[in-house]
Amino acid sequence: MSSFLNSFFTDETGAVTVDWVVITAAVVGFSAVSFWAIEDNSNDLMEAAGGAIAGQNDFTGDGGN
């Protein structure tokens, strides 16, 4: 039984898999944070652009004359 436990604790098979899982989780987490930051900033930009266009008041209905 002790030889089984000794070989179990010294076996490093699968350690790389754990590393890849941790790295993948970090990449997914950073991607989500980046997405939310870009989404918030782009929504602010769209609102500002919409307000600027509405503020021009070029919609008089006279066909541009």
C-alpha atoms as a PDB file:
ATOM      1  CA  MET A   1       0.000   0.000   0.000  1.00  0.00           C
ATOM      2  CA  SER A   2       2.849   2.384   0.776  1.00  0.00           C
ATOM      3  CA  SER A   3       4.395   1.825  -2.670  1.00  0.00           C
ATOM      4  CA  PHE A   4       1.050   2.732  -4.262  1.00  0.00           C
ATOM      5  CA  LEU A   5       0.794   5.939  -2.220  1.00  0.00           C
ATOM      6  CA  ASN A   6       4.410   6.813  -2.930  1.00  0.00           C
ATOM      7  CA  SER A   7       3.924   6.382  -6.675  1.00  0.00           C
ATOM      8  CA  PHE A   8       0.630   8.285  -6.504  1.00  0.00           C
ATOM      9  CA  PHE A   9       2.192  11.325  -4.828  1.00  0.00           C
ATOM     10  CA  THR A  10       5.259  11.375  -7.082  1.00  0.00           C
ATOM     11  CA  ASP A  11       3.349  10.899 -10.350  1.00  0.00           C
ATOM     12  CA  GLU A  12       3.093  14.198 -12.218  1.00  0.00           C
ATOM     13  CA  THR A  13       0.879  12.950 -15.025  1.00  0.00           C
ATOM     14  CA  GLY A  14      -1.933  15.428 -15.599  1.00  0.00           C
ATOM     15  CA  ALA A  15      -0.180  18.407 -14.010  1.00  0.00           C
ATOM     16  CA  VAL A  16      -0.012  20.150 -17.373  1.00  0.00           C
ATOM     17  CA  THR A  17      -3.768  19.739 -17.734  1.00  0.00           C
ATOM     18  CA  VAL A  18      -4.311  21.649 -14.516  1.00  0.00           C
ATOM     19  CA  ASP A  19      -2.045  24.434 -15.787  1.00  0.00           C
ATOM     20  CA  TRP A  20      -4.005  24.703 -19.022  1.00  0.00           C
ATOM     21  CA  VAL A  21      -7.317  24.803 -17.161  1.00  0.00           C
ATOM     22  CA  VAL A  22      -6.080  27.652 -14.967  1.00  0.00           C
ATOM     23  CA  ILE A  23      -4.702  29.578 -17.950  1.00  0.00           C
ATOM     24  CA  THR A  24      -7.932  29.080 -19.910  1.00  0.00           C
ATOM     25  CA  ALA A  25     -10.026  30.287 -16.967  1.00  0.00           C
ATOM     26  CA  ALA A  26      -7.844  33.400 -16.691  1.00  0.00           C
ATOM     27  CA  VAL A  27      -8.199  34.162 -20.405  1.00  0.00           C
ATOM     28  CA  VAL A  28     -11.976  33.740 -20.256  1.00  0.00           C
ATOM     29  CA  GLY A  29     -12.174  35.976 -17.194  1.00  0.00           C
ATOM     30  CA  PHE A  30     -10.067  38.720 -18.770  1.00  0.00           C
ATOM     31  CA  SER A  31     -12.126  38.464 -21.961  1.00  0.00           C
ATOM     32  CA  ALA A  32     -15.359  38.959 -20.027  1.00  0.00           C
ATOM     33  CA  VAL A  33     -13.978  41.992 -18.192  1.00  0.00           C
ATOM     34  CA  SER A  34     -12.734  43.470 -21.475  1.00  0.00           C
ATOM     35  CA  PHE A  35     -16.100  42.884 -23.133  1.00  0.00           C
ATOM     36  CA  TRP A  36     -17.962  44.695 -20.366  1.00  0.00           C
ATOM     37  CA  ALA A  37     -15.555  47.641 -20.441  1.00  0.00           C
ATOM     38  CA  ILE A  38     -15.814  47.981 -24.221  1.00  0.00           C
ATOM     39  CA  GLU A  39     -19.602  47.598 -24.126  1.00  0.00           C
ATOM     40  CA  ASP A  40     -20.015  50.332 -21.506  1.00  0.00           C
ATOM     41  CA  ASN A  41     -17.772  52.744 -23.391  1.00  0.00           C
ATOM     42  CA  SER A  42     -19.424  52.058 -26.733  1.00  0.00           C
ATOM     43  CA  ASN A  43     -22.881  52.623 -25.238  1.00  0.00           C
ATOM     44  CA  ASP A  44     -21.709  55.974 -23.866  1.00  0.00           C
ATOM     45  CA  LEU A  45     -20.316  56.869 -27.289  1.00  0.00           C
ATOM     46  CA  MET A  46     -23.585  55.924 -29.018  1.00  0.00           C
ATOM     47  CA  GLU A  47     -25.600  58.031 -26.574  1.00  0.00           C
ATOM     48  CA  ALA A  48     -23.276  61.010 -27.089  1.00  0.00           C
ATOM     49  CA  ALA A  49     -23.457  60.674 -30.872  1.00  0.00           C
ATOM     50  CA  GLY A  50     -27.246  60.367 -30.763  1.00  0.00           C
ATOM     51  CA  GLY A  51     -27.499  63.453 -28.577  1.00  0.00           C
ATOM     52  CA  ALA A  52     -25.246  65.426 -30.927  1.00  0.00           C
ATOM     53  CA  ILE A  53     -27.305  64.414 -33.948  1.00  0.00           C
ATOM     54  CA  ALA A  54     -30.576  65.241 -32.221  1.00  0.00           C
ATOM     55  CA  GLY A  55     -29.128  68.582 -31.117  1.00  0.00           C
ATOM     56  CA  GLN A  56     -28.520  69.628 -34.719  1.00  0.00           C
ATOM     57  CA  ASN A  57     -32.282  69.959 -35.295  1.00  0.00           C
ATOM     58  CA  ASP A  58     -31.896  69.471 -39.053  1.00  0.00           C
ATOM     59  CA  PHE A  59     -35.159  67.584 -39.265  1.00  0.00           C
ATOM     60  CA  THR A  60     -37.393  70.465 -40.366  1.00  0.00           C
ATOM     61  CA  GLY A  61     -39.420  68.467 -42.857  1.00  0.00           C
ATOM     62  CA  ASP A  62     -38.936  70.888 -45.739  1.00  0.00           C
ATOM     63  CA  GLY A  63     -36.895  68.462 -47.813  1.00  0.00           C
ATOM     64  CA  GLY A  64     -33.606  70.304 -47.323  1.00  0.00           C
ATOM     65  CA  ASN A  65     -34.747  73.582 -48.891  1.00  0.00           C
END
